[in-house]
Amino acid sequence: MDKILPKEAALKVKRLPKDTIAAGYRHTVALKADGTVTAVGDNRYGQCDVSGWCDMVAVAAGNVIRAMLIQSG
């Protein structure tokens, strides 16, 4: 079995052609086609603070967290 390092795997990720939405417990994160991110909902723990996020290829949302994958890996 060939091993792929996380950085190599990240470089193989292609941006989805459409907007992507991830739903957390009390917030929602949206990845726009241009790579920017918008978040709405309960921001008690800062989970909607995504103002500087750009060049993203994927987003995910959890209980009070959100995660992203940037173009450069």
Protein backbone atom coordinates (compact mmCIF):
# COMPACT_ATOMS: atom_id res chain seq x y z
CA MET A 1 0.00 0.00 0.00
CA ASP A 2 1.38 3.41 -0.97
CA LYS A 3 1.48 6.03 1.75
CA ILE A 4 0.39 9.58 0.98
CA LEU A 5 1.55 12.34 3.28
CA PRO A 6 -1.13 14.83 4.41
CA LYS A 7 0.50 17.68 2.46
CA GLU A 8 0.54 15.54 -0.72
CA ALA A 9 -3.12 14.66 -0.22
CA ALA A 10 -4.01 18.31 0.29
CA LEU A 11 -2.32 19.26 -2.97
CA LYS A 12 -4.54 16.77 -4.83
CA VAL A 13 -7.77 18.37 -3.54
CA LYS A 14 -9.62 20.31 -6.22
CA ARG A 15 -11.94 23.19 -5.44
CA LEU A 16 -15.57 22.18 -5.73
CA PRO A 17 -17.32 23.95 -8.61
CA LYS A 18 -20.27 25.03 -6.46
CA ASP A 19 -20.69 26.63 -3.08
CA THR A 20 -20.37 24.22 -0.15
CA ILE A 21 -22.21 24.41 3.19
CA ALA A 22 -21.21 22.78 6.49
CA ALA A 23 -23.60 22.82 9.46
CA GLY A 24 -22.37 22.87 13.05
CA TYR A 25 -24.33 22.72 16.30
CA ARG A 26 -25.50 26.34 16.26
CA HIS A 27 -23.65 27.82 13.30
CA THR A 28 -23.28 27.28 9.57
CA VAL A 29 -20.19 27.78 7.43
CA ALA A 30 -20.37 28.38 3.67
CA LEU A 31 -17.52 28.08 1.18
CA LYS A 32 -18.11 30.25 -1.86
CA ALA A 33 -16.90 29.33 -5.34
CA ASP A 34 -14.25 32.09 -5.16
CA GLY A 35 -12.61 30.47 -2.09
CA THR A 36 -13.94 32.89 0.52
CA VAL A 37 -15.89 31.76 3.57
CA THR A 38 -19.01 33.10 5.30
CA ALA A 39 -20.35 31.94 8.67
CA VAL A 40 -23.62 32.68 10.45
CA GLY A 41 -25.18 31.65 13.75
CA ASP A 42 -24.17 31.60 17.41
CA ASN A 43 -20.74 33.23 17.72
CA ARG A 44 -20.35 32.77 21.48
CA TYR A 45 -17.00 31.01 21.06
CA GLY A 46 -15.85 32.84 17.91
CA GLN A 47 -16.94 30.05 15.57
CA CYS A 48 -18.29 32.58 13.05
CA ASP A 49 -15.08 34.64 12.88
CA VAL A 50 -13.93 33.79 9.34
CA SER A 51 -13.24 37.27 8.00
CA GLY A 52 -9.66 36.52 6.90
CA TRP A 53 -10.33 33.16 5.30
CA CYS A 54 -9.57 33.05 1.57
CA ASP A 55 -8.20 30.54 -0.97
CA MET A 56 -10.09 27.74 0.81
CA VAL A 57 -10.94 24.45 -0.89
CA ALA A 58 -12.96 22.76 1.89
CA VAL A 59 -14.75 23.64 5.14
CA ALA A 60 -16.21 21.62 8.00
CA ALA A 61 -18.21 22.56 11.10
CA GLY A 62 -18.66 20.82 14.43
CA ASN A 63 -20.07 21.59 17.86
CA VAL A 64 -18.31 24.92 18.48
CA ILE A 65 -15.50 24.57 15.95
CA ARG A 66 -14.94 24.98 12.25
CA ALA A 67 -12.07 23.75 10.10
CA MET A 68 -10.77 24.56 6.65
CA LEU A 69 -8.31 23.38 4.05
CA ILE A 70 -6.41 26.06 2.16
CA GLN A 71 -5.35 25.85 -1.47
CA SER A 72 -1.64 25.51 -0.59
CA GLY A 73 -2.35 22.59 1.75
